[in-house]
C-alpha atoms as a PDB file:
ATOM      1  CA  MET A   1     -11.424 -16.382   3.151  1.00  0.00           C
ATOM      2  CA  GLY A   2     -11.026 -18.617   0.086  1.00  0.00           C
ATOM      3  CA  PHE A   3      -7.705 -19.458  -1.512  1.00  0.00           C
ATOM      4  CA  GLN A   4      -6.896 -20.605  -5.021  1.00  0.00           C
ATOM      5  CA  ILE A   5      -5.974 -24.308  -5.255  1.00  0.00           C
ATOM      6  CA  ALA A   6      -2.773 -25.142  -7.129  1.00  0.00           C
ATOM      7  CA  GLU A   7      -2.916 -27.612 -10.007  1.00  0.00           C
ATOM      8  CA  LYS A   8       0.349 -29.069  -8.717  1.00  0.00           C
ATOM      9  CA  TRP A   9       2.538 -28.030  -5.849  1.00  0.00           C
ATOM     10  CA  PHE A  10       6.080 -28.926  -6.955  1.00  0.00           C
ATOM     11  CA  GLU A  11       7.952 -28.325 -10.180  1.00  0.00           C
ATOM     12  CA  PHE A  12      10.933 -30.429 -11.326  1.00  0.00           C
ATOM     13  CA  ARG A  13      13.836 -29.668 -13.668  1.00  0.00           C
ATOM     14  CA  ARG A  14      16.637 -32.067 -14.514  1.00  0.00           C
ATOM     15  CA  VAL A  15      19.906 -30.101 -14.335  1.00  0.00           C
ATOM     16  CA  ASP A  16      22.199 -32.933 -15.441  1.00  0.00           C
ATOM     17  CA  ASP A  17      22.381 -36.738 -15.252  1.00  0.00           C
ATOM     18  CA  ASP A  18      22.597 -36.670 -11.448  1.00  0.00           C
ATOM     19  CA  ILE A  19      20.991 -33.448 -10.240  1.00  0.00           C
ATOM     20  CA  THR A  20      17.330 -32.428 -10.238  1.00  0.00           C
ATOM     21  CA  LEU A  21      16.010 -29.078  -9.022  1.00  0.00           C
ATOM     22  CA  ILE A  22      12.652 -29.097  -7.225  1.00  0.00           C
ATOM     23  CA  TRP A  23      10.768 -25.979  -6.188  1.00  0.00           C
ATOM     24  CA  GLU A  24       7.365 -24.685  -5.010  1.00  0.00           C
ATOM     25  CA  PRO A  25       6.087 -22.201  -7.617  1.00  0.00           C
ATOM     26  CA  ASN A  26       3.056 -21.136  -5.581  1.00  0.00           C
ATOM     27  CA  VAL A  27       4.999 -19.293  -2.899  1.00  0.00           C
ATOM     28  CA  VAL A  28       6.725 -15.917  -3.173  1.00  0.00           C
ATOM     29  CA  PRO A  29      10.481 -15.726  -3.881  1.00  0.00           C
ATOM     30  CA  LEU A  30      11.292 -14.877  -0.257  1.00  0.00           C
ATOM     31  CA  ILE A  31      10.345 -18.410   0.865  1.00  0.00           C
ATOM     32  CA  ARG A  32      10.704 -20.286  -2.459  1.00  0.00           C
ATOM     33  CA  CYS A  33      13.529 -22.638  -1.537  1.00  0.00           C
ATOM     34  CA  ASN A  34      15.580 -24.602  -4.060  1.00  0.00           C
ATOM     35  CA  ILE A  35      15.381 -28.294  -3.223  1.00  0.00           C
ATOM     36  CA  TRP A  36      18.206 -30.343  -4.738  1.00  0.00           C
ATOM     37  CA  HIS A  37      18.098 -34.086  -5.452  1.00  0.00           C
ATOM     38  CA  VAL A  38      21.434 -35.728  -6.234  1.00  0.00           C
ATOM     39  CA  ARG A  39      21.622 -39.278  -7.526  1.00  0.00           C
ATOM     40  CA  GLY A  40      24.379 -41.483  -6.137  1.00  0.00           C
ATOM     41  CA  ARG A  41      25.543 -45.018  -6.779  1.00  0.00           C
ATOM     42  CA  ASP A  42      24.702 -46.312  -3.304  1.00  0.00           C
ATOM     43  CA  ARG A  43      22.119 -43.813  -2.103  1.00  0.00           C
ATOM     44  CA  ASP A  44      20.684 -40.438  -3.053  1.00  0.00           C
ATOM     45  CA  LEU A  45      21.045 -37.045  -1.448  1.00  0.00           C
ATOM     46  CA  LEU A  46      18.311 -34.467  -0.826  1.00  0.00           C
ATOM     47  CA  ILE A  47      19.456 -30.966   0.039  1.00  0.00           C
ATOM     48  CA  ASP A  48      16.712 -28.993   1.808  1.00  0.00           C
ATOM     49  CA  THR A  49      13.037 -29.926   1.780  1.00  0.00           C
ATOM     50  CA  GLY A  50      10.949 -26.796   1.237  1.00  0.00           C
ATOM     51  CA  LEU A  51       8.016 -25.561   3.285  1.00  0.00           C
ATOM     52  CA  GLY A  52       6.171 -28.801   3.974  1.00  0.00           C
ATOM     53  CA  MET A  53       2.811 -27.390   2.845  1.00  0.00           C
ATOM     54  CA  ALA A  54       2.456 -30.535   0.701  1.00  0.00           C
ATOM     55  CA  SER A  55       4.236 -33.878   0.844  1.00  0.00           C
ATOM     56  CA  LEU A  56       7.544 -33.712  -0.997  1.00  0.00           C
ATOM     57  CA  LYS A  57       8.072 -37.434  -0.472  1.00  0.00           C
ATOM     58  CA  ALA A  58       4.819 -38.268  -2.235  1.00  0.00           C
ATOM     59  CA  ALA A  59       5.256 -35.745  -5.068  1.00  0.00           C
ATOM     60  CA  ALA A  60       8.787 -36.912  -5.858  1.00  0.00           C
ATOM     61  CA  ARG A  61       8.312 -40.652  -5.468  1.00  0.00           C
ATOM     62  CA  HIS A  62       9.434 -41.048  -9.095  1.00  0.00           C
ATOM     63  CA  LEU A  63      12.828 -39.636  -8.047  1.00  0.00           C
ATOM     64  CA  PHE A  64      13.122 -41.128  -4.583  1.00  0.00           C
ATOM     65  CA  ASP A  65      13.705 -44.728  -5.628  1.00  0.00           C
ATOM     66  CA  LYS A  66      16.771 -45.353  -3.394  1.00  0.00           C
ATOM     67  CA  ASN A  67      17.730 -44.931   0.199  1.00  0.00           C
ATOM     68  CA  LEU A  68      17.887 -41.194   0.748  1.00  0.00           C
ATOM     69  CA  THR A  69      19.881 -38.897   2.994  1.00  0.00           C
ATOM     70  CA  ALA A  70      18.149 -35.557   3.630  1.00  0.00           C
ATOM     71  CA  VAL A  71      20.485 -32.682   4.523  1.00  0.00           C
ATOM     72  CA  ALA A  72      19.242 -29.332   5.824  1.00  0.00           C
ATOM     73  CA  THR A  73      21.604 -26.478   5.009  1.00  0.00           C
ATOM     74  CA  HIS A  74      20.068 -24.605   7.964  1.00  0.00           C
ATOM     75  CA  ALA A  75      16.893 -24.595  10.043  1.00  0.00           C
ATOM     76  CA  HIS A  76      14.842 -21.736   8.521  1.00  0.00           C
ATOM     77  CA  TYR A  77      11.307 -22.928   7.896  1.00  0.00           C
ATOM     78  CA  ASP A  78      11.382 -22.618   4.107  1.00  0.00           C
ATOM     79  CA  HIS A  79      14.215 -25.183   4.070  1.00  0.00           C
ATOM     80  CA  VAL A  80      13.047 -27.724   6.669  1.00  0.00           C
ATOM     81  CA  GLY A  81       9.261 -27.885   6.368  1.00  0.00           C
ATOM     82  CA  GLY A  82       9.450 -31.342   4.796  1.00  0.00           C
ATOM     83  CA  PHE A  83      12.439 -32.574   6.823  1.00  0.00           C
ATOM     84  CA  HIS A  84      10.273 -34.782   9.055  1.00  0.00           C
ATOM     85  CA  GLU A  85       9.237 -36.938   6.071  1.00  0.00           C
ATOM     86  CA  PHE A  86      12.672 -38.546   5.722  1.00  0.00           C
ATOM     87  CA  GLU A  87      14.308 -41.196   7.871  1.00  0.00           C
ATOM     88  CA  GLU A  88      17.889 -39.916   7.603  1.00  0.00           C
ATOM     89  CA  ARG A  89      18.122 -36.269   8.628  1.00  0.00           C
ATOM     90  CA  VAL A  90      21.458 -34.440   8.657  1.00  0.00           C
ATOM     91  CA  ILE A  91      22.089 -30.923   9.981  1.00  0.00           C
ATOM     92  CA  HIS A  92      24.792 -28.872  11.696  1.00  0.00           C
ATOM     93  CA  GLY A  93      24.789 -29.108  15.469  1.00  0.00           C
ATOM     94  CA  ALA A  94      24.088 -25.394  15.904  1.00  0.00           C
ATOM     95  CA  GLU A  95      20.741 -25.827  14.105  1.00  0.00           C
ATOM     96  CA  ALA A  96      19.736 -29.165  15.667  1.00  0.00           C
ATOM     97  CA  ARG A  97      17.627 -27.859  18.539  1.00  0.00           C
ATOM     98  CA  LYS A  98      15.481 -25.791  16.222  1.00  0.00           C
ATOM     99  CA  VAL A  99      14.563 -28.660  13.874  1.00  0.00           C
ATOM    100  CA  ALA A 100      13.967 -30.989  16.818  1.00  0.00           C
ATOM    101  CA  ALA A 101      11.453 -28.578  18.309  1.00  0.00           C
ATOM    102  CA  GLY A 102       9.596 -27.565  15.137  1.00  0.00           C
ATOM    103  CA  ASN A 103       7.922 -24.174  15.082  1.00  0.00           C
ATOM    104  CA  ALA A 104       4.721 -22.312  14.217  1.00  0.00           C
ATOM    105  CA  ALA A 105       6.126 -20.204  11.366  1.00  0.00           C
ATOM    106  CA  SER A 106       3.804 -17.923   9.418  1.00  0.00           C
ATOM    107  CA  LEU A 107       2.840 -17.920   5.752  1.00  0.00           C
ATOM    108  CA  PHE A 108       1.628 -14.344   6.038  1.00  0.00           C
ATOM    109  CA  GLY A 109       3.428 -11.023   5.827  1.00  0.00           C
ATOM    110  CA  GLY A 110       2.903  -8.398   8.474  1.00  0.00           C
ATOM    111  CA  GLY A 111       2.278  -4.710   8.786  1.00  0.00           C
ATOM    112  CA  LYS A 112       4.848  -1.976   8.410  1.00  0.00           C
ATOM    113  CA  GLU A 113       5.240  -1.863  12.166  1.00  0.00           C
ATOM    114  CA  ASP A 114       7.097  -5.195  12.023  1.00  0.00           C
ATOM    115  CA  ALA A 115      10.822  -4.360  12.215  1.00  0.00           C
ATOM    116  CA  LEU A 116      11.973  -7.741  10.915  1.00  0.00           C
ATOM    117  CA  LEU A 117       9.751  -7.562   7.841  1.00  0.00           C
ATOM    118  CA  GLU A 118      10.864  -4.017   7.212  1.00  0.00           C
ATOM    119  CA  SER A 119      14.507  -5.121   7.228  1.00  0.00           C
ATOM    120  CA  ILE A 120      13.619  -7.861   4.726  1.00  0.00           C
ATOM    121  CA  ARG A 121      11.868  -5.315   2.509  1.00  0.00           C
ATOM    122  CA  ALA A 122      14.866  -2.999   2.816  1.00  0.00           C
ATOM    123  CA  ALA A 123      17.123  -5.825   1.612  1.00  0.00           C
ATOM    124  CA  GLY A 124      15.109  -5.973  -1.619  1.00  0.00           C
ATOM    125  CA  TYR A 125      12.281  -8.475  -1.112  1.00  0.00           C
ATOM    126  CA  ASP A 126       8.597  -7.913  -1.695  1.00  0.00           C
ATOM    127  CA  VAL A 127       6.698  -9.105   1.395  1.00  0.00           C
ATOM    128  CA  PRO A 128       3.013  -9.209   0.471  1.00  0.00           C
ATOM    129  CA  PRO A 129       0.274  -9.927   3.039  1.00  0.00           C
ATOM    130  CA  GLU A 130       0.138 -13.548   1.827  1.00  0.00           C
ATOM    131  CA  LEU A 131       3.419 -15.351   1.080  1.00  0.00           C
ATOM    132  CA  PHE A 132       1.667 -17.803  -1.266  1.00  0.00           C
ATOM    133  CA  THR A 133      -0.425 -17.501  -4.403  1.00  0.00           C
ATOM    134  CA  ALA A 134      -2.309 -20.779  -3.971  1.00  0.00           C
ATOM    135  CA  VAL A 135      -2.766 -23.626  -1.495  1.00  0.00           C
ATOM    136  CA  PRO A 136      -1.933 -27.277  -2.218  1.00  0.00           C
ATOM    137  CA  SER A 137      -5.381 -28.780  -1.692  1.00  0.00           C
ATOM    138  CA  LYS A 138      -9.018 -28.044  -0.951  1.00  0.00           C
ATOM    139  CA  GLY A 139      -9.542 -27.391   2.726  1.00  0.00           C
ATOM    140  CA  TYR A 140      -5.900 -26.533   3.404  1.00  0.00           C
ATOM    141  CA  ASP A 141      -5.763 -23.717   5.971  1.00  0.00           C
ATOM    142  CA  PRO A 142      -2.483 -21.741   5.690  1.00  0.00           C
ATOM    143  CA  ARG A 143      -3.271 -20.066   9.021  1.00  0.00           C
ATOM    144  CA  SER A 144      -2.616 -23.376  10.760  1.00  0.00           C
ATOM    145  CA  TYR A 145       0.778 -23.905   9.110  1.00  0.00           C
ATOM    146  CA  SER A 146       3.611 -25.133  11.316  1.00  0.00           C
ATOM    147  CA  VAL A 147       6.891 -26.979  10.902  1.00  0.00           C
ATOM    148  CA  LEU A 148       6.748 -30.444  12.447  1.00  0.00           C
ATOM    149  CA  PRO A 149       9.555 -31.620  14.740  1.00  0.00           C
ATOM    150  CA  ALA A 150      12.302 -33.474  12.876  1.00  0.00           C
ATOM    151  CA  PRO A 151      15.132 -34.502  15.225  1.00  0.00           C
ATOM    152  CA  ALA A 152      18.425 -35.011  13.423  1.00  0.00           C
ATOM    153  CA  THR A 153      19.753 -38.526  12.980  1.00  0.00           C
ATOM    154  CA  ARG A 154      23.268 -37.207  12.280  1.00  0.00           C
ATOM    155  CA  LEU A 155      24.978 -33.983  13.268  1.00  0.00           C
ATOM    156  CA  VAL A 156      27.737 -32.659  11.034  1.00  0.00           C
ATOM    157  CA  GLY A 157      30.330 -29.934  11.192  1.00  0.00           C
ATOM    158  CA  GLU A 158      33.250 -28.496   9.251  1.00  0.00           C
ATOM    159  CA  GLY A 159      35.177 -31.152   7.332  1.00  0.00           C
ATOM    160  CA  ASP A 160      32.703 -34.001   7.711  1.00  0.00           C
ATOM    161  CA  VAL A 161      31.914 -35.969   4.561  1.00  0.00           C
ATOM    162  CA  ILE A 162      28.613 -37.162   3.117  1.00  0.00           C
ATOM    163  CA  ASP A 163      29.345 -40.110   0.826  1.00  0.00           C
ATOM    164  CA  ILE A 164      26.732 -41.415  -1.602  1.00  0.00           C
ATOM    165  CA  GLY A 165      28.980 -43.963  -3.292  1.00  0.00           C
ATOM    166  CA  ASP A 166      30.363 -42.332  -6.412  1.00  0.00           C
ATOM    167  CA  ARG A 167      30.162 -38.783  -5.031  1.00  0.00           C
ATOM    168  CA  ARG A 168      31.611 -37.337  -1.820  1.00  0.00           C
ATOM    169  CA  PHE A 169      30.588 -33.970  -0.432  1.00  0.00           C
ATOM    170  CA  GLU A 170      32.581 -32.153   2.226  1.00  0.00           C
ATOM    171  CA  VAL A 171      30.648 -30.135   4.771  1.00  0.00           C
ATOM    172  CA  LEU A 172      31.662 -26.466   4.891  1.00  0.00           C
ATOM    173  CA  HIS A 173      30.479 -24.515   7.934  1.00  0.00           C
ATOM    174  CA  LEU A 174      29.333 -21.162   6.485  1.00  0.00           C
ATOM    175  CA  PRO A 175      27.782 -19.179   9.347  1.00  0.00           C
ATOM    176  CA  GLY A 176      26.431 -15.665   9.187  1.00  0.00           C
ATOM    177  CA  HIS A 177      22.964 -16.047   7.724  1.00  0.00           C
ATOM    178  CA  SER A 178      22.374 -18.487  10.571  1.00  0.00           C
ATOM    179  CA  PRO A 179      24.761 -19.979  13.161  1.00  0.00           C
ATOM    180  CA  GLY A 180      24.883 -23.447  11.651  1.00  0.00           C
ATOM    181  CA  SER A 181      24.524 -22.745   7.935  1.00  0.00           C
ATOM    182  CA  ILE A 182      26.445 -25.274   5.861  1.00  0.00           C
ATOM    183  CA  GLY A 183      27.400 -25.877   2.270  1.00  0.00           C
ATOM    184  CA  LEU A 184      28.219 -29.162   0.575  1.00  0.00           C
ATOM    185  CA  TRP A 185      31.402 -29.015  -1.505  1.00  0.00           C
ATOM    186  CA  GLU A 186      32.504 -31.553  -4.123  1.00  0.00           C
ATOM    187  CA  GLU A 187      36.097 -30.632  -4.922  1.00  0.00           C
ATOM    188  CA  ARG A 188      36.378 -33.101  -7.818  1.00  0.00           C
ATOM    189  CA  THR A 189      33.728 -31.304  -9.863  1.00  0.00           C
ATOM    190  CA  GLY A 190      33.903 -27.842  -8.288  1.00  0.00           C
ATOM    191  CA  THR A 191      30.245 -28.108  -7.265  1.00  0.00           C
ATOM    192  CA  LEU A 192      28.966 -26.220  -4.239  1.00  0.00           C
ATOM    193  CA  PHE A 193      25.495 -26.526  -2.755  1.00  0.00           C
ATOM    194  CA  SER A 194      25.518 -23.315  -0.738  1.00  0.00           C
ATOM    195  CA  GLY A 195      22.130 -23.120   0.968  1.00  0.00           C
ATOM    196  CA  ASP A 196      21.462 -19.526   2.012  1.00  0.00           C
ATOM    197  CA  ALA A 197      25.106 -18.697   2.715  1.00  0.00           C
ATOM    198  CA  ILE A 198      25.133 -17.215  -0.764  1.00  0.00           C
ATOM    199  CA  TYR A 199      22.602 -17.017  -3.592  1.00  0.00           C
ATOM    200  CA  ASP A 200      21.997 -14.664  -6.504  1.00  0.00           C
ATOM    201  CA  GLY A 201      19.443 -12.495  -4.771  1.00  0.00           C
ATOM    202  CA  PRO A 202      19.050 -10.180  -1.746  1.00  0.00           C
ATOM    203  CA  LEU A 203      21.124 -11.701   1.062  1.00  0.00           C
ATOM    204  CA  LEU A 204      19.624 -11.559   4.541  1.00  0.00           C
ATOM    205  CA  ASP A 205      21.962 -10.893   7.456  1.00  0.00           C
ATOM    206  CA  GLU A 206      19.676  -9.218   9.998  1.00  0.00           C
ATOM    207  CA  LEU A 207      17.458 -12.177  10.868  1.00  0.00           C
ATOM    208  CA  PRO A 208      17.294 -13.614  14.380  1.00  0.00           C
ATOM    209  CA  GLY A 209      20.523 -15.578  14.745  1.00  0.00           C
ATOM    210  CA  SER A 210      22.318 -13.793  11.896  1.00  0.00           C
ATOM    211  CA  ASP A 211      25.718 -12.222  12.544  1.00  0.00           C
ATOM    212  CA  ILE A 212      27.222  -9.722  10.136  1.00  0.00           C
ATOM    213  CA  PRO A 213      30.925  -9.964  11.143  1.00  0.00           C
ATOM    214  CA  THR A 214      30.715 -13.749  10.873  1.00  0.00           C
ATOM    215  CA  TYR A 215      28.985 -13.425   7.493  1.00  0.00           C
ATOM    216  CA  VAL A 216      31.803 -11.187   6.287  1.00  0.00           C
ATOM    217  CA  ALA A 217      34.329 -13.928   7.155  1.00  0.00           C
ATOM    218  CA  THR A 218      32.198 -16.494   5.321  1.00  0.00           C
ATOM    219  CA  MET A 219      32.079 -14.295   2.229  1.00  0.00           C
ATOM    220  CA  LYS A 220      35.840 -13.913   2.234  1.00  0.00           C
ATOM    221  CA  ARG A 221      36.148 -17.685   2.402  1.00  0.00           C
ATOM    222  CA  LEU A 222      33.624 -18.306  -0.371  1.00  0.00           C
ATOM    223  CA  ARG A 223      35.345 -15.785  -2.627  1.00  0.00           C
ATOM    224  CA  GLN A 224      38.476 -17.968  -2.657  1.00  0.00           C
ATOM    225  CA  LEU A 225      36.695 -21.251  -3.341  1.00  0.00           C
ATOM    226  CA  PRO A 226      37.549 -22.659  -6.806  1.00  0.00           C
ATOM    227  CA  VAL A 227      33.964 -23.432  -7.781  1.00  0.00           C
ATOM    228  CA  SER A 228      32.682 -24.376 -11.216  1.00  0.00           C
ATOM    229  CA  VAL A 229      29.025 -24.039 -10.264  1.00  0.00           C
ATOM    230  CA  VAL A 230      27.071 -22.942  -7.205  1.00  0.00           C
ATOM    231  CA  HIS A 231      23.636 -24.475  -6.669  1.00  0.00           C
ATOM    232  CA  ALA A 232      22.145 -22.177  -4.050  1.00  0.00           C
ATOM    233  CA  GLY A 233      19.204 -22.180  -1.662  1.00  0.00           C
ATOM    234  CA  HIS A 234      17.284 -19.638  -3.761  1.00  0.00           C
ATOM    235  CA  ASP A 235      17.412 -18.184  -7.270  1.00  0.00           C
ATOM    236  CA  PRO A 236      19.399 -19.475 -10.283  1.00  0.00           C
ATOM    237  CA  SER A 237      22.707 -21.339 -10.150  1.00  0.00           C
ATOM    238  CA  PHE A 238      25.862 -19.430 -11.084  1.00  0.00           C
ATOM    239  CA  ASN A 239      29.569 -19.773 -11.850  1.00  0.00           C
ATOM    240  CA  ARG A 240      32.752 -18.672 -10.111  1.00  0.00           C
ATOM    241  CA  ALA A 241      32.835 -15.236 -11.719  1.00  0.00           C
ATOM    242  CA  ARG A 242      29.345 -14.501 -10.426  1.00  0.00           C
ATOM    243  CA  LEU A 243      30.270 -15.924  -7.012  1.00  0.00           C
ATOM    244  CA  ARG A 244      33.099 -13.418  -6.739  1.00  0.00           C
ATOM    245  CA  GLU A 245      30.817 -10.563  -7.830  1.00  0.00           C
ATOM    246  CA  LEU A 246      28.258 -11.466  -5.180  1.00  0.00           C
ATOM    247  CA  CYS A 247      30.907 -11.780  -2.481  1.00  0.00           C
ATOM    248  CA  ASP A 248      32.486  -8.458  -3.478  1.00  0.00           C
ATOM    249  CA  ALA A 249      29.099  -6.718  -3.434  1.00  0.00           C
ATOM    250  CA  TYR A 250      28.348  -8.001   0.051  1.00  0.00           C
ATOM    251  CA  LEU A 251      31.801  -7.134   1.364  1.00  0.00           C
ATOM    252  CA  ALA A 252      31.529  -3.615  -0.059  1.00  0.00           C
ATOM    253  CA  LYS A 253      28.098  -3.184   1.538  1.00  0.00           C
ATOM    254  CA  ARG A 254      29.353  -4.282   4.952  1.00  0.00           C
ATOM    255  CA  ALA A 255      32.846  -2.774   4.803  1.00  0.00           C
END
């Protein structure tokens, strides 16, 4: 079976003077993770690392010109595929074993007999037989895809701080989607990097390791957060009004 070869694997968009959004346009929305690069005075911050089908470190060398701290908001494969490429790797303790072990995740959808995929479809996602529209290079075999082990160099939890010199981000533990999902909160600017705890798309709360009652508590917490902007793990960024709408819709669904 032949696959189309992508002209380039990553796209880049400068959001403001400090923040750049990176994404993989050749994969379907279900696994198209937002990768966030934040410039700091003393070091830079990388929030999530995509699938790892191609080298993020090589593609973004024009951005990665300082010491870099890579933070995984959680251990799902679309967020940690490139985690192994970076020397400083930060994750919540509840997700640490998974990234340390790696896994043989699939880039292919399944048949209708697959209960997990059916729950994802029911949430509102299209799950085609192939979760990509191209491959990164000639000879790349998506059937051999796996996530390489990437043991954490620092474990974080609620209230810990990631300091990059002129910006300080507080770790918020936001479980529900996964046990150790975290967000990074900068109170001074009202900026939240939320990972998959909340994004402006179909939220998934029936995955292995998800917990709906815990997710409800997380949504109630997020609804009260005085954000200016949420940069999420998928889909476009949004403001506080939209945050409250998304939280209210989830809470109504799970009431």
